[in-house]
PDB file of N, CA and C in Angstrom:
ATOM      1  N   MET A   1     121.265  98.492  64.438  1.00  0.00           N
ATOM      2  CA  MET A   1     119.939  98.771  64.937  1.00  0.00           C
ATOM      3  C   MET A   1     120.083  99.529  66.260  1.00  0.00           C
ATOM      4  N   ASN A   2     119.143 100.347  66.531  1.00  0.00           N
ATOM      5  CA  ASN A   2     119.150 101.175  67.718  1.00  0.00           C
ATOM      6  C   ASN A   2     119.000 100.309  68.971  1.00  0.00           C
ATOM      7  N   LYS A   3     119.887 100.486  69.961  1.00  0.00           N
ATOM      8  CA  LYS A   3     119.851  99.689  71.185  1.00  0.00           C
ATOM      9  C   LYS A   3     118.575  99.918  71.981  1.00  0.00           C
ATOM     10  N   LYS A   4     118.053 101.150  71.951  1.00  0.00           N
ATOM     11  CA  LYS A   4     116.801 101.429  72.661  1.00  0.00           C
ATOM     12  C   LYS A   4     115.639 100.671  72.028  1.00  0.00           C
ATOM     13  N   LEU A   5     115.643 100.563  70.716  1.00  0.00           N
ATOM     14  CA  LEU A   5     114.595  99.840  70.009  1.00  0.00           C
ATOM     15  C   LEU A   5     114.640  98.356  70.368  1.00  0.00           C
ATOM     16  N   ILE A   6     115.824  97.791  70.409  1.00  0.00           N
ATOM     17  CA  ILE A   6     115.980  96.379  70.757  1.00  0.00           C
ATOM     18  C   ILE A   6     115.517  96.131  72.197  1.00  0.00           C
ATOM     19  N   ALA A   7     115.920  97.006  73.105  1.00  0.00           N
ATOM     20  CA  ALA A   7     115.521  96.863  74.512  1.00  0.00           C
ATOM     21  C   ALA A   7     114.011  96.998  74.657  1.00  0.00           C
ATOM     22  N   SER A   8     113.409  97.932  73.942  1.00  0.00           N
ATOM     23  CA  SER A   8     111.957  98.121  74.003  1.00  0.00           C
ATOM     24  C   SER A   8     111.222  96.897  73.466  1.00  0.00           C
ATOM     25  N   ALA A   9     111.713  96.342  72.389  1.00  0.00           N
ATOM     26  CA  ALA A   9     111.083  95.158  71.802  1.00  0.00           C
ATOM     27  C   ALA A   9     111.185  93.966  72.755  1.00  0.00           C
ATOM     28  N   ALA A  10     112.331  93.796  73.378  1.00  0.00           N
ATOM     29  CA  ALA A  10     112.520  92.697  74.332  1.00  0.00           C
ATOM     30  C   ALA A  10     111.587  92.857  75.536  1.00  0.00           C
ATOM     31  N   LEU A  11     111.475  94.069  76.043  1.00  0.00           N
ATOM     32  CA  LEU A  11     110.599  94.327  77.178  1.00  0.00           C
ATOM     33  C   LEU A  11     109.138  94.072  76.801  1.00  0.00           C
ATOM     34  N   ALA A  12     108.734  94.513  75.630  1.00  0.00           N
ATOM     35  CA  ALA A  12     107.357  94.302  75.176  1.00  0.00           C
ATOM     36  C   ALA A  12     107.048  92.808  75.042  1.00  0.00           C
ATOM     37  N   ALA A  13     107.990  92.048  74.518  1.00  0.00           N
ATOM     38  CA  ALA A  13     107.789  90.601  74.372  1.00  0.00           C
ATOM     39  C   ALA A  13     107.658  89.931  75.733  1.00  0.00           C
ATOM     40  N   ALA A  14     108.497  90.312  76.664  1.00  0.00           N
ATOM     41  CA  ALA A  14     108.443  89.725  78.009  1.00  0.00           C
ATOM     42  C   ALA A  14     107.134  90.060  78.704  1.00  0.00           C
ATOM     43  N   LEU A  15     106.707  91.297  78.628  1.00  0.00           N
ATOM     44  CA  LEU A  15     105.461  91.703  79.275  1.00  0.00           C
ATOM     45  C   LEU A  15     104.242  91.046  78.638  1.00  0.00           C
ATOM     46  N   SER A  16     104.245  90.899  77.340  1.00  0.00           N
ATOM     47  CA  SER A  16     103.097  90.281  76.682  1.00  0.00           C
ATOM     48  C   SER A  16     102.966  88.818  77.064  1.00  0.00           C
ATOM     49  N   SER A  17     104.070  88.113  77.271  1.00  0.00           N
ATOM     50  CA  SER A  17     103.974  86.711  77.671  1.00  0.00           C
ATOM     51  C   SER A  17     103.442  86.575  79.084  1.00  0.00           C
ATOM     52  N   ILE A  18     103.741  87.528  79.950  1.00  0.00           N
ATOM     53  CA  ILE A  18     103.239  87.507  81.320  1.00  0.00           C
ATOM     54  C   ILE A  18     101.739  87.750  81.328  1.00  0.00           C
ATOM     55  N   VAL A  19     101.273  88.657  80.503  1.00  0.00           N
ATOM     56  CA  VAL A  19      99.863  89.003  80.464  1.00  0.00           C
ATOM     57  C   VAL A  19      99.043  87.916  79.783  1.00  0.00           C
ATOM     58  N   VAL A  20      99.535  87.310  78.720  1.00  0.00           N
ATOM     59  CA  VAL A  20      98.790  86.339  77.946  1.00  0.00           C
ATOM     60  C   VAL A  20      98.695  84.984  78.642  1.00  0.00           C
ATOM     61  N   ALA A  21      99.737  84.523  79.301  1.00  0.00           N
ATOM     62  CA  ALA A  21      99.749  83.183  79.885  1.00  0.00           C
ATOM     63  C   ALA A  21      98.597  82.917  80.848  1.00  0.00           C
ATOM     64  N   PRO A  22      98.362  83.757  81.856  1.00  0.00           N
ATOM     65  CA  PRO A  22      97.261  83.450  82.772  1.00  0.00           C
ATOM     66  C   PRO A  22      95.888  83.504  82.111  1.00  0.00           C
ATOM     67  N   VAL A  23      95.711  84.386  81.148  1.00  0.00           N
ATOM     68  CA  VAL A  23      94.425  84.523  80.480  1.00  0.00           C
ATOM     69  C   VAL A  23      94.112  83.271  79.669  1.00  0.00           C
ATOM     70  N   SER A  24      95.111  82.673  79.017  1.00  0.00           N
ATOM     71  CA  SER A  24      94.872  81.511  78.173  1.00  0.00           C
ATOM     72  C   SER A  24      94.470  80.285  78.983  1.00  0.00           C
ATOM     73  N   ALA A  25      94.819  80.207  80.265  1.00  0.00           N
ATOM     74  CA  ALA A  25      94.463  79.063  81.101  1.00  0.00           C
ATOM     75  C   ALA A  25      93.130  79.263  81.826  1.00  0.00           C
ATOM     76  N   ALA A  26      92.553  80.435  81.719  1.00  0.00           N
ATOM     77  CA  ALA A  26      91.275  80.697  82.386  1.00  0.00           C
ATOM     78  C   ALA A  26      90.193  79.794  81.808  1.00  0.00           C
ATOM     79  N   GLY A  27      89.394  79.213  82.685  1.00  0.00           N
ATOM     80  CA  GLY A  27      88.333  78.327  82.235  1.00  0.00           C
ATOM     81  C   GLY A  27      88.819  76.971  81.777  1.00  0.00           C
ATOM     82  N   LYS A  28      90.053  76.634  82.121  1.00  0.00           N
ATOM     83  CA  LYS A  28      90.636  75.351  81.715  1.00  0.00           C
ATOM     84  C   LYS A  28      91.008  74.552  82.952  1.00  0.00           C
ATOM     85  N   GLU A  29      91.203  73.250  82.774  1.00  0.00           N
ATOM     86  CA  GLU A  29      91.680  72.396  83.851  1.00  0.00           C
ATOM     87  C   GLU A  29      92.602  71.325  83.264  1.00  0.00           C
ATOM     88  N   LYS A  30      93.492  70.808  84.112  1.00  0.00           N
ATOM     89  CA  LYS A  30      94.376  69.731  83.697  1.00  0.00           C
ATOM     90  C   LYS A  30      93.569  68.449  83.629  1.00  0.00           C
ATOM     91  N   CYS A  31      93.671  67.762  82.510  1.00  0.00           N
ATOM     92  CA  CYS A  31      92.956  66.510  82.303  1.00  0.00           C
ATOM     93  C   CYS A  31      93.985  65.418  82.029  1.00  0.00           C
ATOM     94  N   TYR A  32      94.058  64.464  82.924  1.00  0.00           N
ATOM     95  CA  TYR A  32      95.041  63.381  82.840  1.00  0.00           C
ATOM     96  C   TYR A  32      94.478  62.198  82.078  1.00  0.00           C
ATOM     97  N   GLY A  33      95.362  61.545  81.314  1.00  0.00           N
ATOM     98  CA  GLY A  33      94.982  60.325  80.615  1.00  0.00           C
ATOM     99  C   GLY A  33      94.336  60.520  79.260  1.00  0.00           C
ATOM    100  N   VAL A  34      94.441  61.702  78.692  1.00  0.00           N
ATOM    101  CA  VAL A  34      93.837  61.945  77.374  1.00  0.00           C
ATOM    102  C   VAL A  34      94.859  62.352  76.310  1.00  0.00           C
ATOM    103  N   ALA A  35      96.082  62.597  76.724  1.00  0.00           N
ATOM    104  CA  ALA A  35      97.103  63.060  75.773  1.00  0.00           C
ATOM    105  C   ALA A  35      97.617  61.908  74.916  1.00  0.00           C
ATOM    106  N   GLY A  36      97.797  62.178  73.645  1.00  0.00           N
ATOM    107  CA  GLY A  36      98.411  61.206  72.750  1.00  0.00           C
ATOM    108  C   GLY A  36      99.937  61.285  72.861  1.00  0.00           C
ATOM    109  N   ILE A  37     100.624  60.434  72.141  1.00  0.00           N
ATOM    110  CA  ILE A  37     102.083  60.448  72.134  1.00  0.00           C
ATOM    111  C   ILE A  37     102.556  61.827  71.677  1.00  0.00           C
ATOM    112  N   GLY A  38     103.390  62.462  72.488  1.00  0.00           N
ATOM    113  CA  GLY A  38     103.932  63.773  72.161  1.00  0.00           C
ATOM    114  C   GLY A  38     102.915  64.907  72.231  1.00  0.00           C
ATOM    115  N   GLN A  39     101.758  64.679  72.836  1.00  0.00           N
ATOM    116  CA  GLN A  39     100.703  65.694  72.863  1.00  0.00           C
ATOM    117  C   GLN A  39     100.436  66.276  74.251  1.00  0.00           C
ATOM    118  N   ASN A  40     101.241  65.894  75.261  1.00  0.00           N
ATOM    119  CA  ASN A  40     101.019  66.416  76.614  1.00  0.00           C
ATOM    120  C   ASN A  40     101.376  67.895  76.681  1.00  0.00           C
ATOM    121  N   ASP A  41     100.805  68.574  77.673  1.00  0.00           N
ATOM    122  CA  ASP A  41     101.039  70.011  77.799  1.00  0.00           C
ATOM    123  C   ASP A  41     102.214  70.371  78.703  1.00  0.00           C
ATOM    124  N   CYS A  42     102.604  69.513  79.632  1.00  0.00           N
ATOM    125  CA  CYS A  42     103.759  69.815  80.484  1.00  0.00           C
ATOM    126  C   CYS A  42     104.174  68.560  81.231  1.00  0.00           C
ATOM    127  N   GLY A  43     104.860  68.717  82.353  1.00  0.00           N
ATOM    128  CA  GLY A  43     105.421  67.600  83.105  1.00  0.00           C
ATOM    129  C   GLY A  43     104.398  66.568  83.546  1.00  0.00           C
ATOM    130  N   ASN A  44     104.868  65.352  83.815  1.00  0.00           N
ATOM    131  CA  ASN A  44     103.979  64.263  84.199  1.00  0.00           C
ATOM    132  C   ASN A  44     104.009  63.996  85.700  1.00  0.00           C
ATOM    133  N   LEU A  45     103.114  63.134  86.165  1.00  0.00           N
ATOM    134  CA  LEU A  45     103.051  62.793  87.582  1.00  0.00           C
ATOM    135  C   LEU A  45     104.299  62.057  88.051  1.00  0.00           C
ATOM    136  N   ALA A  46     104.895  61.257  87.199  1.00  0.00           N
ATOM    137  CA  ALA A  46     106.075  60.478  87.574  1.00  0.00           C
ATOM    138  C   ALA A  46     107.303  61.357  87.769  1.00  0.00           C
ATOM    139  N   GLY A  47     107.282  62.550  87.208  1.00  0.00           N
ATOM    140  CA  GLY A  47     108.427  63.443  87.313  1.00  0.00           C
ATOM    141  C   GLY A  47     109.582  63.061  86.402  1.00  0.00           C
ATOM    142  N   THR A  48     109.304  62.263  85.381  1.00  0.00           N
ATOM    143  CA  THR A  48     110.369  61.840  84.467  1.00  0.00           C
ATOM    144  C   THR A  48     110.669  62.874  83.390  1.00  0.00           C
ATOM    145  N   HIS A  49     109.803  63.863  83.247  1.00  0.00           N
ATOM    146  CA  HIS A  49     110.070  64.988  82.346  1.00  0.00           C
ATOM    147  C   HIS A  49     109.254  66.184  82.808  1.00  0.00           C
ATOM    148  N   SER A  50     109.644  67.349  82.344  1.00  0.00           N
ATOM    149  CA  SER A  50     108.924  68.566  82.745  1.00  0.00           C
ATOM    150  C   SER A  50     108.567  69.430  81.545  1.00  0.00           C
ATOM    151  N   CYS A  51     108.494  68.805  80.385  1.00  0.00           N
ATOM    152  CA  CYS A  51     108.248  69.582  79.168  1.00  0.00           C
ATOM    153  C   CYS A  51     107.043  69.072  78.390  1.00  0.00           C
ATOM    154  N   ALA A  52     106.451  69.970  77.641  1.00  0.00           N
ATOM    155  CA  ALA A  52     105.365  69.608  76.742  1.00  0.00           C
ATOM    156  C   ALA A  52     105.908  68.749  75.607  1.00  0.00           C
ATOM    157  N   GLY A  53     105.065  67.872  75.089  1.00  0.00           N
ATOM    158  CA  GLY A  53     105.445  67.049  73.940  1.00  0.00           C
ATOM    159  C   GLY A  53     106.360  65.888  74.273  1.00  0.00           C
ATOM    160  N   GLN A  54     106.471  65.512  75.540  1.00  0.00           N
ATOM    161  CA  GLN A  54     107.390  64.451  75.935  1.00  0.00           C
ATOM    162  C   GLN A  54     106.708  63.113  76.239  1.00  0.00           C
ATOM    163  N   SER A  55     105.383  63.040  76.150  1.00  0.00           N
ATOM    164  CA  SER A  55     104.699  61.780  76.456  1.00  0.00           C
ATOM    165  C   SER A  55     105.072  60.718  75.430  1.00  0.00           C
ATOM    166  N   THR A  56     105.221  59.480  75.906  1.00  0.00           N
ATOM    167  CA  THR A  56     105.648  58.384  75.033  1.00  0.00           C
ATOM    168  C   THR A  56     104.572  57.321  74.850  1.00  0.00           C
ATOM    169  N   LEU A  57     103.441  57.461  75.551  1.00  0.00           N
ATOM    170  CA  LEU A  57     102.332  56.518  75.434  1.00  0.00           C
ATOM    171  C   LEU A  57     101.031  57.269  75.180  1.00  0.00           C
ATOM    172  N   ASP A  58     100.153  56.683  74.378  1.00  0.00           N
ATOM    173  CA  ASP A  58      98.816  57.251  74.203  1.00  0.00           C
ATOM    174  C   ASP A  58      98.030  57.089  75.495  1.00  0.00           C
ATOM    175  N   LYS A  59      97.345  58.144  75.893  1.00  0.00           N
ATOM    176  CA  LYS A  59      96.453  58.132  77.049  1.00  0.00           C
ATOM    177  C   LYS A  59      97.121  57.649  78.337  1.00  0.00           C
ATOM    178  N   ASP A  60      98.386  57.994  78.511  1.00  0.00           N
ATOM    179  CA  ASP A  60      99.104  57.682  79.750  1.00  0.00           C
ATOM    180  C   ASP A  60      98.408  58.426  80.888  1.00  0.00           C
ATOM    181  N   PRO A  61      97.988  57.733  81.956  1.00  0.00           N
ATOM    182  CA  PRO A  61      97.269  58.398  83.041  1.00  0.00           C
ATOM    183  C   PRO A  61      98.111  59.418  83.811  1.00  0.00           C
ATOM    184  N   GLY A  62      99.401  59.439  83.609  1.00  0.00           N
ATOM    185  CA  GLY A  62     100.260  60.413  84.281  1.00  0.00           C
ATOM    186  C   GLY A  62     100.513  61.669  83.464  1.00  0.00           C
ATOM    187  N   GLU A  63     100.065  61.696  82.221  1.00  0.00           N
ATOM    188  CA  GLU A  63     100.258  62.851  81.338  1.00  0.00           C
ATOM    189  C   GLU A  63      98.956  63.644  81.252  1.00  0.00           C
ATOM    190  N   TRP A  64      99.068  64.956  81.036  1.00  0.00           N
ATOM    191  CA  TRP A  64      97.865  65.786  81.000  1.00  0.00           C
ATOM    192  C   TRP A  64      97.863  66.782  79.859  1.00  0.00           C
ATOM    193  N   LYS A  65      96.652  67.257  79.567  1.00  0.00           N
ATOM    194  CA  LYS A  65      96.410  68.350  78.618  1.00  0.00           C
ATOM    195  C   LYS A  65      95.426  69.307  79.266  1.00  0.00           C
ATOM    196  N   LEU A  66      95.503  70.573  78.902  1.00  0.00           N
ATOM    197  CA  LEU A  66      94.502  71.527  79.355  1.00  0.00           C
ATOM    198  C   LEU A  66      93.255  71.372  78.487  1.00  0.00           C
ATOM    199  N   VAL A  67      92.115  71.269  79.151  1.00  0.00           N
ATOM    200  CA  VAL A  67      90.840  71.167  78.445  1.00  0.00           C
ATOM    201  C   VAL A  67      89.872  72.159  79.066  1.00  0.00           C
ATOM    202  N   ALA A  68      88.774  72.404  78.404  1.00  0.00           N
ATOM    203  CA  ALA A  68      87.754  73.304  78.945  1.00  0.00           C
ATOM    204  C   ALA A  68      87.242  72.748  80.272  1.00  0.00           C
ATOM    205  N   LYS A  69      87.128  73.629  81.248  1.00  0.00           N
ATOM    206  CA  LYS A  69      86.692  73.224  82.585  1.00  0.00           C
ATOM    207  C   LYS A  69      85.354  72.487  82.506  1.00  0.00           C
ATOM    208  N   GLY A  70      85.297  71.347  83.205  1.00  0.00           N
ATOM    209  CA  GLY A  70      84.080  70.564  83.236  1.00  0.00           C
ATOM    210  C   GLY A  70      83.949  69.520  82.140  1.00  0.00           C
ATOM    211  N   THR A  71      84.930  69.419  81.243  1.00  0.00           N
ATOM    212  CA  THR A  71      84.826  68.463  80.135  1.00  0.00           C
ATOM    213  C   THR A  71      85.741  67.259  80.269  1.00  0.00           C
ATOM    214  N   CYS A  72      86.626  67.273  81.228  1.00  0.00           N
ATOM    215  CA  CYS A  72      87.653  66.232  81.331  1.00  0.00           C
ATOM    216  C   CYS A  72      87.055  64.830  81.436  1.00  0.00           C
ATOM    217  N   GLU A  73      86.201  64.616  82.402  1.00  0.00           N
ATOM    218  CA  GLU A  73      85.654  63.275  82.604  1.00  0.00           C
ATOM    219  C   GLU A  73      84.790  62.837  81.426  1.00  0.00           C
ATOM    220  N   ALA A  74      84.131  63.780  80.778  1.00  0.00           N
ATOM    221  CA  ALA A  74      83.285  63.452  79.630  1.00  0.00           C
ATOM    222  C   ALA A  74      84.099  62.922  78.447  1.00  0.00           C
ATOM    223  N   ILE A  75      85.368  63.327  78.355  1.00  0.00           N
ATOM    224  CA  ILE A  75      86.218  62.845  77.253  1.00  0.00           C
ATOM    225  C   ILE A  75      87.087  61.664  77.683  1.00  0.00           C
ATOM    226  N   GLY A  76      86.799  61.126  78.869  1.00  0.00           N
ATOM    227  CA  GLY A  76      87.496  59.926  79.322  1.00  0.00           C
ATOM    228  C   GLY A  76      88.735  60.173  80.160  1.00  0.00           C
ATOM    229  N   GLY A  77      88.910  61.398  80.636  1.00  0.00           N
ATOM    230  CA  GLY A  77      90.083  61.724  81.429  1.00  0.00           C
ATOM    231  C   GLY A  77      89.814  61.738  82.920  1.00  0.00           C
ATOM    232  N   MET A  78      90.845  62.069  83.674  1.00  0.00           N
ATOM    233  CA  MET A  78      90.767  62.135  85.125  1.00  0.00           C
ATOM    234  C   MET A  78      91.323  63.469  85.599  1.00  0.00           C
ATOM    235  N   LEU A  79      90.745  63.980  86.674  1.00  0.00           N
ATOM    236  CA  LEU A  79      91.316  65.163  87.316  1.00  0.00           C
ATOM    237  C   LEU A  79      92.509  64.719  88.156  1.00  0.00           C
ATOM    238  N   LYS A  80      93.299  65.677  88.642  1.00  0.00           N
ATOM    239  CA  LYS A  80      94.581  65.346  89.257  1.00  0.00           C
ATOM    240  C   LYS A  80      94.473  64.368  90.429  1.00  0.00           C
ATOM    241  N   ALA A  81      93.530  64.557  91.340  1.00  0.00           N
ATOM    242  CA  ALA A  81      93.428  63.679  92.513  1.00  0.00           C
ATOM    243  C   ALA A  81      93.216  62.224  92.091  1.00  0.00           C
ATOM    244  N   GLU A  82      92.323  62.000  91.143  1.00  0.00           N
ATOM    245  CA  GLU A  82      92.060  60.644  90.665  1.00  0.00           C
ATOM    246  C   GLU A  82      93.271  60.076  89.934  1.00  0.00           C
ATOM    247  N   ALA A  83      93.906  60.897  89.088  1.00  0.00           N
ATOM    248  CA  ALA A  83      95.080  60.448  88.348  1.00  0.00           C
ATOM    249  C   ALA A  83      96.230  60.093  89.296  1.00  0.00           C
ATOM    250  N   LYS A  84      96.402  60.908  90.338  1.00  0.00           N
ATOM    251  CA  LYS A  84      97.472  60.650  91.302  1.00  0.00           C
ATOM    252  C   LYS A  84      97.211  59.337  92.040  1.00  0.00           C
ATOM    253  N   ALA A  85      95.970  59.092  92.454  1.00  0.00           N
ATOM    254  CA  ALA A  85      95.623  57.838  93.128  1.00  0.00           C
ATOM    255  C   ALA A  85      95.860  56.647  92.189  1.00  0.00           C
ATOM    256  N   HIS A  86      95.499  56.798  90.936  1.00  0.00           N
ATOM    257  CA  HIS A  86      95.707  55.743  89.932  1.00  0.00           C
ATOM    258  C   HIS A  86      97.198  55.475  89.762  1.00  0.00           C
ATOM    259  N   TYR A  87      97.982  56.533  89.669  1.00  0.00           N
ATOM    260  CA  TYR A  87      99.431  56.406  89.509  1.00  0.00           C
ATOM    261  C   TYR A  87     100.064  55.710  90.719  1.00  0.00           C
ATOM    262  N   GLU A  88      99.678  56.135  91.927  1.00  0.00           N
ATOM    263  CA  GLU A  88     100.238  55.550  93.139  1.00  0.00           C
ATOM    264  C   GLU A  88      99.863  54.070  93.258  1.00  0.00           C
ATOM    265  N   ALA A  89      98.629  53.709  92.888  1.00  0.00           N
ATOM    266  CA  ALA A  89      98.212  52.308  92.920  1.00  0.00           C
ATOM    267  C   ALA A  89      99.014  51.476  91.935  1.00  0.00           C
ATOM    268  N   SER A  90      99.280  52.021  90.766  1.00  0.00           N
ATOM    269  CA  SER A  90     100.051  51.271  89.776  1.00  0.00           C
ATOM    270  C   SER A  90     101.509  51.108  90.225  1.00  0.00           C
ATOM    271  N   GLN A  91     102.029  52.062  90.962  1.00  0.00           N
ATOM    272  CA  GLN A  91     103.396  51.951  91.490  1.00  0.00           C
ATOM    273  C   GLN A  91     103.481  50.862  92.549  1.00  0.00           C
ATOM    274  N   LYS A  92     102.458  50.732  93.387  1.00  0.00           N
ATOM    275  CA  LYS A  92     102.434  49.694  94.423  1.00  0.00           C
ATOM    276  C   LYS A  92     102.362  48.311  93.801  1.00  0.00           C
ATOM    277  N   GLN A  93     101.630  48.190  92.690  1.00  0.00           N
ATOM    278  CA  GLN A  93     101.501  46.891  92.012  1.00  0.00           C
ATOM    279  C   GLN A  93     102.811  46.460  91.388  1.00  0.00           C
ATOM    280  N   SER A  94     103.613  47.432  90.927  1.00  0.00           N
ATOM    281  CA  SER A  94     104.877  47.091  90.277  1.00  0.00           C
ATOM    282  C   SER A  94     105.994  46.792  91.265  1.00  0.00           C
ATOM    283  N   ASP A  95     105.782  47.111  92.554  1.00  0.00           N
ATOM    284  CA  ASP A  95     106.819  46.826  93.582  1.00  0.00           C
ATOM    285  C   ASP A  95     106.836  45.388  93.999  1.00  0.00           C
TER     286      ASP A  95
END
């Protein structure tokens, strides 16, 4: 295969991911405490993982999913400040 073609395809793929990522998060917010097992979108508040699909508990208050802006609390979730306070309080209780 032509090396220029391969390089062009790689560059196009890299550029498209840069352009698409910010657009897909527009109008969304992180909603904590609504992700099912293996359904989180990225790292948790505890810092025990940094990948999507790593949650081990349903509705863990430290795990989050992106939801439409303004809908988080209506579906039973928490925004980051509330989730962080909840997490810190639970850590103090376990000490």
